[in-house]
Amino acid sequence: MLVNYDKLWKLLIDKKMNRTELKEAARISFNVLAKLGKGETVSMESILKICKALDCDISDVMEVEKEERKNGNSYSNK
């Protein structure tokens, strides 16, 4: 499965906040911020800190997408 944080980046634009400001407001590490930027998974604790800092729900910052295999019918569990 793939994690997509596009909603988070759009929310930051709407709130006129940059990534460094998010890092400070949510008290997350640079490594967590880097993982978010690469679309990698982060801990639920980090996601909840971000939601608290932005006063939003988990669905407002991320989506989980299924990754289709090349044969088209099955999904992988990455």
PDB file of N, CA and C in Angstrom:
ATOM      1  N   MET A   1       0.842  -1.185   0.000  1.00  0.00           N
ATOM      2  CA  MET A   1       0.000   0.000   0.000  1.00  0.00           C
ATOM      3  C   MET A   1       0.882   1.242   0.000  1.00  0.00           C
ATOM      4  N   LEU A   2       0.382   2.254  -0.609  1.00  0.00           N
ATOM      5  CA  LEU A   2       1.100   3.523  -0.691  1.00  0.00           C
ATOM      6  C   LEU A   2       0.405   4.574   0.160  1.00  0.00           C
ATOM      7  N   VAL A   3       1.185   5.445   0.745  1.00  0.00           N
ATOM      8  CA  VAL A   3       0.642   6.543   1.538  1.00  0.00           C
ATOM      9  C   VAL A   3       0.808   7.824   0.735  1.00  0.00           C
ATOM     10  N   ASN A   4      -0.239   8.618   0.709  1.00  0.00           N
ATOM     11  CA  ASN A   4      -0.225   9.863  -0.047  1.00  0.00           C
ATOM     12  C   ASN A   4      -0.521  11.015   0.916  1.00  0.00           C
ATOM     13  N   TYR A   5       0.392  11.986   0.975  1.00  0.00           N
ATOM     14  CA  TYR A   5       0.236  13.130   1.875  1.00  0.00           C
ATOM     15  C   TYR A   5      -0.106  14.416   1.124  1.00  0.00           C
ATOM     16  N   ASP A   6      -0.615  14.313  -0.094  1.00  0.00           N
ATOM     17  CA  ASP A   6      -0.959  15.509  -0.873  1.00  0.00           C
ATOM     18  C   ASP A   6      -1.919  16.429  -0.128  1.00  0.00           C
ATOM     19  N   LYS A   7      -2.852  15.832   0.599  1.00  0.00           N
ATOM     20  CA  LYS A   7      -3.812  16.643   1.361  1.00  0.00           C
ATOM     21  C   LYS A   7      -3.100  17.490   2.418  1.00  0.00           C
ATOM     22  N   LEU A   8      -2.068  16.935   3.026  1.00  0.00           N
ATOM     23  CA  LEU A   8      -1.296  17.680   4.025  1.00  0.00           C
ATOM     24  C   LEU A   8      -0.645  18.895   3.400  1.00  0.00           C
ATOM     25  N   TRP A   9      -0.008  18.704   2.246  1.00  0.00           N
ATOM     26  CA  TRP A   9       0.698  19.826   1.608  1.00  0.00           C
ATOM     27  C   TRP A   9      -0.297  20.909   1.164  1.00  0.00           C
ATOM     28  N   LYS A  10      -1.471  20.514   0.702  1.00  0.00           N
ATOM     29  CA  LYS A  10      -2.500  21.496   0.323  1.00  0.00           C
ATOM     30  C   LYS A  10      -3.021  22.235   1.550  1.00  0.00           C
ATOM     31  N   LEU A  11      -3.176  21.499   2.655  1.00  0.00           N
ATOM     32  CA  LEU A  11      -3.639  22.122   3.896  1.00  0.00           C
ATOM     33  C   LEU A  11      -2.629  23.151   4.402  1.00  0.00           C
ATOM     34  N   LEU A  12      -1.348  22.833   4.294  1.00  0.00           N
ATOM     35  CA  LEU A  12      -0.319  23.789   4.701  1.00  0.00           C
ATOM     36  C   LEU A  12      -0.394  25.062   3.865  1.00  0.00           C
ATOM     37  N   ILE A  13      -0.627  24.908   2.571  1.00  0.00           N
ATOM     38  CA  ILE A  13      -0.777  26.087   1.700  1.00  0.00           C
ATOM     39  C   ILE A  13      -1.973  26.912   2.147  1.00  0.00           C
ATOM     40  N   ASP A  14      -3.096  26.256   2.406  1.00  0.00           N
ATOM     41  CA  ASP A  14      -4.306  26.960   2.844  1.00  0.00           C
ATOM     42  C   ASP A  14      -4.075  27.711   4.150  1.00  0.00           C
ATOM     43  N   LYS A  15      -3.269  27.138   5.026  1.00  0.00           N
ATOM     44  CA  LYS A  15      -2.993  27.762   6.328  1.00  0.00           C
ATOM     45  C   LYS A  15      -1.780  28.695   6.279  1.00  0.00           C
ATOM     46  N   LYS A  16      -1.232  28.871   5.066  1.00  0.00           N
ATOM     47  CA  LYS A  16      -0.060  29.730   4.879  1.00  0.00           C
ATOM     48  C   LYS A  16       1.065  29.343   5.840  1.00  0.00           C
ATOM     49  N   MET A  17       1.337  28.043   5.869  1.00  0.00           N
ATOM     50  CA  MET A  17       2.345  27.489   6.765  1.00  0.00           C
ATOM     51  C   MET A  17       3.351  26.706   5.929  1.00  0.00           C
ATOM     52  N   ASN A  18       4.637  26.822   6.262  1.00  0.00           N
ATOM     53  CA  ASN A  18       5.632  26.028   5.542  1.00  0.00           C
ATOM     54  C   ASN A  18       5.980  24.776   6.351  1.00  0.00           C
ATOM     55  N   ARG A  19       6.786  23.928   5.776  1.00  0.00           N
ATOM     56  CA  ARG A  19       7.106  22.643   6.404  1.00  0.00           C
ATOM     57  C   ARG A  19       7.874  22.817   7.716  1.00  0.00           C
ATOM     58  N   THR A  20       8.750  23.790   7.775  1.00  0.00           N
ATOM     59  CA  THR A  20       9.498  24.041   9.009  1.00  0.00           C
ATOM     60  C   THR A  20       8.561  24.478  10.125  1.00  0.00           C
ATOM     61  N   GLU A  21       7.595  25.320   9.789  1.00  0.00           N
ATOM     62  CA  GLU A  21       6.609  25.749  10.788  1.00  0.00           C
ATOM     63  C   GLU A  21       5.771  24.566  11.268  1.00  0.00           C
ATOM     64  N   LEU A  22       5.431  23.661  10.354  1.00  0.00           N
ATOM     65  CA  LEU A  22       4.703  22.451  10.747  1.00  0.00           C
ATOM     66  C   LEU A  22       5.545  21.614  11.696  1.00  0.00           C
ATOM     67  N   LYS A  23       6.810  21.435  11.365  1.00  0.00           N
ATOM     68  CA  LYS A  23       7.721  20.649  12.204  1.00  0.00           C
ATOM     69  C   LYS A  23       7.749  21.196  13.624  1.00  0.00           C
ATOM     70  N   GLU A  24       7.844  22.498  13.748  1.00  0.00           N
ATOM     71  CA  GLU A  24       7.907  23.133  15.066  1.00  0.00           C
ATOM     72  C   GLU A  24       6.564  23.063  15.792  1.00  0.00           C
ATOM     73  N   ALA A  25       5.471  23.348  15.085  1.00  0.00           N
ATOM     74  CA  ALA A  25       4.145  23.354  15.707  1.00  0.00           C
ATOM     75  C   ALA A  25       3.725  21.960  16.173  1.00  0.00           C
ATOM     76  N   ALA A  26       4.052  20.947  15.368  1.00  0.00           N
ATOM     77  CA  ALA A  26       3.656  19.577  15.690  1.00  0.00           C
ATOM     78  C   ALA A  26       4.688  18.869  16.555  1.00  0.00           C
ATOM     79  N   ARG A  27       5.857  19.479  16.714  1.00  0.00           N
ATOM     80  CA  ARG A  27       6.952  18.880  17.478  1.00  0.00           C
ATOM     81  C   ARG A  27       7.321  17.511  16.929  1.00  0.00           C
ATOM     82  N   ILE A  28       7.517  17.485  15.610  1.00  0.00           N
ATOM     83  CA  ILE A  28       7.985  16.269  14.949  1.00  0.00           C
ATOM     84  C   ILE A  28       9.431  16.495  14.518  1.00  0.00           C
ATOM     85  N   SER A  29      10.135  15.421  14.280  1.00  0.00           N
ATOM     86  CA  SER A  29      11.546  15.528  13.914  1.00  0.00           C
ATOM     87  C   SER A  29      11.713  15.839  12.429  1.00  0.00           C
ATOM     88  N   PHE A  30      12.909  16.265  12.081  1.00  0.00           N
ATOM     89  CA  PHE A  30      13.230  16.487  10.670  1.00  0.00           C
ATOM     90  C   PHE A  30      13.093  15.184   9.893  1.00  0.00           C
ATOM     91  N   ASN A  31      13.469  14.051  10.521  1.00  0.00           N
ATOM     92  CA  ASN A  31      13.364  12.753   9.850  1.00  0.00           C
ATOM     93  C   ASN A  31      11.924  12.415   9.499  1.00  0.00           C
ATOM     94  N   VAL A  32      10.990  12.716  10.398  1.00  0.00           N
ATOM     95  CA  VAL A  32       9.569  12.485  10.111  1.00  0.00           C
ATOM     96  C   VAL A  32       9.134  13.367   8.953  1.00  0.00           C
ATOM     97  N   LEU A  33       9.539  14.613   8.976  1.00  0.00           N
ATOM     98  CA  LEU A  33       9.196  15.542   7.895  1.00  0.00           C
ATOM     99  C   LEU A  33       9.762  15.048   6.560  1.00  0.00           C
ATOM    100  N   ALA A  34      10.982  14.537   6.584  1.00  0.00           N
ATOM    101  CA  ALA A  34      11.595  14.009   5.360  1.00  0.00           C
ATOM    102  C   ALA A  34      10.832  12.796   4.841  1.00  0.00           C
ATOM    103  N   LYS A  35      10.403  11.913   5.735  1.00  0.00           N
ATOM    104  CA  LYS A  35       9.619  10.748   5.323  1.00  0.00           C
ATOM    105  C   LYS A  35       8.290  11.176   4.710  1.00  0.00           C
ATOM    106  N   LEU A  36       7.662  12.169   5.305  1.00  0.00           N
ATOM    107  CA  LEU A  36       6.408  12.682   4.749  1.00  0.00           C
ATOM    108  C   LEU A  36       6.636  13.204   3.335  1.00  0.00           C
ATOM    109  N   GLY A  37       7.727  13.919   3.153  1.00  0.00           N
ATOM    110  CA  GLY A  37       8.051  14.473   1.845  1.00  0.00           C
ATOM    111  C   GLY A  37       8.301  13.416   0.786  1.00  0.00           C
ATOM    112  N   LYS A  38       8.766  12.242   1.220  1.00  0.00           N
ATOM    113  CA  LYS A  38       9.036  11.141   0.298  1.00  0.00           C
ATOM    114  C   LYS A  38       7.843  10.206   0.141  1.00  0.00           C
ATOM    115  N   GLY A  39       6.758  10.484   0.862  1.00  0.00           N
ATOM    116  CA  GLY A  39       5.583   9.623   0.790  1.00  0.00           C
ATOM    117  C   GLY A  39       5.763   8.308   1.516  1.00  0.00           C
ATOM    118  N   GLU A  40       6.629   8.291   2.517  1.00  0.00           N
ATOM    119  CA  GLU A  40       6.861   7.082   3.296  1.00  0.00           C
ATOM    120  C   GLU A  40       5.949   7.070   4.521  1.00  0.00           C
ATOM    121  N   THR A  41       5.777   5.895   5.108  1.00  0.00           N
ATOM    122  CA  THR A  41       4.934   5.804   6.299  1.00  0.00           C
ATOM    123  C   THR A  41       5.656   6.387   7.508  1.00  0.00           C
ATOM    124  N   VAL A  42       4.875   6.970   8.385  1.00  0.00           N
ATOM    125  CA  VAL A  42       5.382   7.490   9.661  1.00  0.00           C
ATOM    126  C   VAL A  42       4.479   6.934  10.759  1.00  0.00           C
ATOM    127  N   SER A  43       4.882   7.092  11.989  1.00  0.00           N
ATOM    128  CA  SER A  43       4.105   6.538  13.107  1.00  0.00           C
ATOM    129  C   SER A  43       2.766   7.250  13.258  1.00  0.00           C
ATOM    130  N   MET A  44       1.827   6.530  13.826  1.00  0.00           N
ATOM    131  CA  MET A  44       0.517   7.121  14.117  1.00  0.00           C
ATOM    132  C   MET A  44       0.676   8.278  15.095  1.00  0.00           C
ATOM    133  N   GLU A  45       1.620   8.169  16.005  1.00  0.00           N
ATOM    134  CA  GLU A  45       1.884   9.242  16.962  1.00  0.00           C
ATOM    135  C   GLU A  45       2.242  10.537  16.230  1.00  0.00           C
ATOM    136  N   SER A  46       3.080  10.436  15.211  1.00  0.00           N
ATOM    137  CA  SER A  46       3.469  11.618  14.438  1.00  0.00           C
ATOM    138  C   SER A  46       2.276  12.199  13.683  1.00  0.00           C
ATOM    139  N   ILE A  47       1.457  11.333  13.090  1.00  0.00           N
ATOM    140  CA  ILE A  47       0.269  11.799  12.367  1.00  0.00           C
ATOM    141  C   ILE A  47      -0.677  12.519  13.323  1.00  0.00           C
ATOM    142  N   LEU A  48      -0.863  11.966  14.518  1.00  0.00           N
ATOM    143  CA  LEU A  48      -1.746  12.600  15.487  1.00  0.00           C
ATOM    144  C   LEU A  48      -1.206  13.943  15.967  1.00  0.00           C
ATOM    145  N   LYS A  49       0.100  14.060  16.122  1.00  0.00           N
ATOM    146  CA  LYS A  49       0.708  15.351  16.485  1.00  0.00           C
ATOM    147  C   LYS A  49       0.433  16.393  15.403  1.00  0.00           C
ATOM    148  N   ILE A  50       0.544  15.974  14.144  1.00  0.00           N
ATOM    149  CA  ILE A  50       0.282  16.881  13.027  1.00  0.00           C
ATOM    150  C   ILE A  50      -1.182  17.306  13.027  1.00  0.00           C
ATOM    151  N   CYS A  51      -2.074  16.345  13.229  1.00  0.00           N
ATOM    152  CA  CYS A  51      -3.505  16.657  13.255  1.00  0.00           C
ATOM    153  C   CYS A  51      -3.842  17.620  14.391  1.00  0.00           C
ATOM    154  N   LYS A  52      -3.233  17.415  15.536  1.00  0.00           N
ATOM    155  CA  LYS A  52      -3.469  18.307  16.673  1.00  0.00           C
ATOM    156  C   LYS A  52      -2.965  19.719  16.358  1.00  0.00           C
ATOM    157  N   ALA A  53      -1.785  19.817  15.791  1.00  0.00           N
ATOM    158  CA  ALA A  53      -1.199  21.119  15.472  1.00  0.00           C
ATOM    159  C   ALA A  53      -2.025  21.861  14.415  1.00  0.00           C
ATOM    160  N   LEU A  54      -2.604  21.122  13.476  1.00  0.00           N
ATOM    161  CA  LEU A  54      -3.371  21.737  12.394  1.00  0.00           C
ATOM    162  C   LEU A  54      -4.871  21.763  12.678  1.00  0.00           C
ATOM    163  N   ASP A  55      -5.280  21.198  13.817  1.00  0.00           N
ATOM    164  CA  ASP A  55      -6.685  21.127  14.212  1.00  0.00           C
ATOM    165  C   ASP A  55      -7.519  20.481  13.103  1.00  0.00           C
ATOM    166  N   CYS A  56      -7.129  19.265  12.748  1.00  0.00           N
ATOM    167  CA  CYS A  56      -7.819  18.557  11.667  1.00  0.00           C
ATOM    168  C   CYS A  56      -7.870  17.064  11.959  1.00  0.00           C
ATOM    169  N   ASP A  57      -8.491  16.323  11.062  1.00  0.00           N
ATOM    170  CA  ASP A  57      -8.636  14.883  11.181  1.00  0.00           C
ATOM    171  C   ASP A  57      -7.582  14.181  10.323  1.00  0.00           C
ATOM    172  N   ILE A  58      -7.338  12.913  10.608  1.00  0.00           N
ATOM    173  CA  ILE A  58      -6.352  12.140   9.849  1.00  0.00           C
ATOM    174  C   ILE A  58      -6.667  12.156   8.364  1.00  0.00           C
ATOM    175  N   SER A  59      -7.925  12.047   8.016  1.00  0.00           N
ATOM    176  CA  SER A  59      -8.313  12.024   6.596  1.00  0.00           C
ATOM    177  C   SER A  59      -8.059  13.359   5.901  1.00  0.00           C
ATOM    178  N   ASP A  60      -7.803  14.406   6.679  1.00  0.00           N
ATOM    179  CA  ASP A  60      -7.479  15.713   6.106  1.00  0.00           C
ATOM    180  C   ASP A  60      -6.016  15.833   5.706  1.00  0.00           C
ATOM    181  N   VAL A  61      -5.176  14.880   6.156  1.00  0.00           N
ATOM    182  CA  VAL A  61      -3.743  14.983   5.884  1.00  0.00           C
ATOM    183  C   VAL A  61      -3.167  13.824   5.087  1.00  0.00           C
ATOM    184  N   MET A  62      -3.879  12.699   5.025  1.00  0.00           N
ATOM    185  CA  MET A  62      -3.302  11.556   4.320  1.00  0.00           C
ATOM    186  C   MET A  62      -4.360  10.655   3.716  1.00  0.00           C
ATOM    187  N   GLU A  63      -3.923   9.882   2.727  1.00  0.00           N
ATOM    188  CA  GLU A  63      -4.746   8.852   2.111  1.00  0.00           C
ATOM    189  C   GLU A  63      -3.885   7.610   1.942  1.00  0.00           C
ATOM    190  N   VAL A  64      -4.508   6.446   2.023  1.00  0.00           N
ATOM    191  CA  VAL A  64      -3.816   5.187   1.765  1.00  0.00           C
ATOM    192  C   VAL A  64      -4.349   4.665   0.441  1.00  0.00           C
ATOM    193  N   GLU A  65      -3.433   4.394  -0.468  1.00  0.00           N
ATOM    194  CA  GLU A  65      -3.808   3.931  -1.797  1.00  0.00           C
ATOM    195  C   GLU A  65      -3.309   2.515  -2.007  1.00  0.00           C
ATOM    196  N   LYS A  66      -4.108   1.705  -2.660  1.00  0.00           N
ATOM    197  CA  LYS A  66      -3.677   0.356  -2.998  1.00  0.00           C
ATOM    198  C   LYS A  66      -2.822   0.417  -4.245  1.00  0.00           C
ATOM    199  N   GLU A  67      -1.767  -0.381  -4.241  1.00  0.00           N
ATOM    200  CA  GLU A  67      -0.853  -0.424  -5.383  1.00  0.00           C
ATOM    201  C   GLU A  67      -1.207  -1.628  -6.239  1.00  0.00           C
ATOM    202  N   GLU A  68      -1.547  -1.386  -7.495  1.00  0.00           N
ATOM    203  CA  GLU A  68      -1.906  -2.476  -8.395  1.00  0.00           C
ATOM    204  C   GLU A  68      -0.657  -3.183  -8.896  1.00  0.00           C
ATOM    205  N   ARG A  69      -0.754  -4.505  -8.978  1.00  0.00           N
ATOM    206  CA  ARG A  69       0.331  -5.280  -9.581  1.00  0.00           C
ATOM    207  C   ARG A  69       0.233  -5.170 -11.086  1.00  0.00           C
ATOM    208  N   LYS A  70       1.287  -5.550 -11.764  1.00  0.00           N
ATOM    209  CA  LYS A  70       1.330  -5.429 -13.211  1.00  0.00           C
ATOM    210  C   LYS A  70       0.285  -6.283 -13.914  1.00  0.00           C
ATOM    211  N   ASN A  71      -0.167  -7.388 -13.292  1.00  0.00           N
ATOM    212  CA  ASN A  71      -1.166  -8.223 -13.944  1.00  0.00           C
ATOM    213  C   ASN A  71      -2.565  -7.609 -13.860  1.00  0.00           C
ATOM    214  N   GLY A  72      -2.708  -6.558 -13.046  1.00  0.00           N
ATOM    215  CA  GLY A  72      -3.927  -5.777 -13.055  1.00  0.00           C
ATOM    216  C   GLY A  72      -5.000  -6.176 -12.068  1.00  0.00           C
ATOM    217  N   ASN A  73      -5.102  -7.442 -11.666  1.00  0.00           N
ATOM    218  CA  ASN A  73      -6.202  -7.864 -10.820  1.00  0.00           C
ATOM    219  C   ASN A  73      -5.884  -7.896  -9.334  1.00  0.00           C
ATOM    220  N   SER A  74      -4.662  -8.134  -8.971  1.00  0.00           N
ATOM    221  CA  SER A  74      -4.297  -8.285  -7.571  1.00  0.00           C
ATOM    222  C   SER A  74      -3.657  -7.017  -7.030  1.00  0.00           C
ATOM    223  N   TYR A  75      -3.610  -6.950  -5.743  1.00  0.00           N
ATOM    224  CA  TYR A  75      -2.962  -5.837  -5.064  1.00  0.00           C
ATOM    225  C   TYR A  75      -1.838  -6.379  -4.219  1.00  0.00           C
ATOM    226  N   SER A  76      -0.762  -5.626  -4.137  1.00  0.00           N
ATOM    227  CA  SER A  76       0.345  -6.039  -3.277  1.00  0.00           C
ATOM    228  C   SER A  76       0.160  -5.414  -1.907  1.00  0.00           C
ATOM    229  N   ASN A  77       0.742  -5.974  -0.907  1.00  0.00           N
ATOM    230  CA  ASN A  77       0.659  -5.449   0.454  1.00  0.00           C
ATOM    231  C   ASN A  77       1.986  -4.845   0.871  1.00  0.00           C
ATOM    232  N   LYS A  78       2.399  -3.818   0.178  1.00  0.00           N
ATOM    233  CA  LYS A  78       3.677  -3.156   0.507  1.00  0.00           C
ATOM    234  C   LYS A  78       3.507  -2.281   1.712  1.00  0.00           C
TER     235      LYS A  78
END
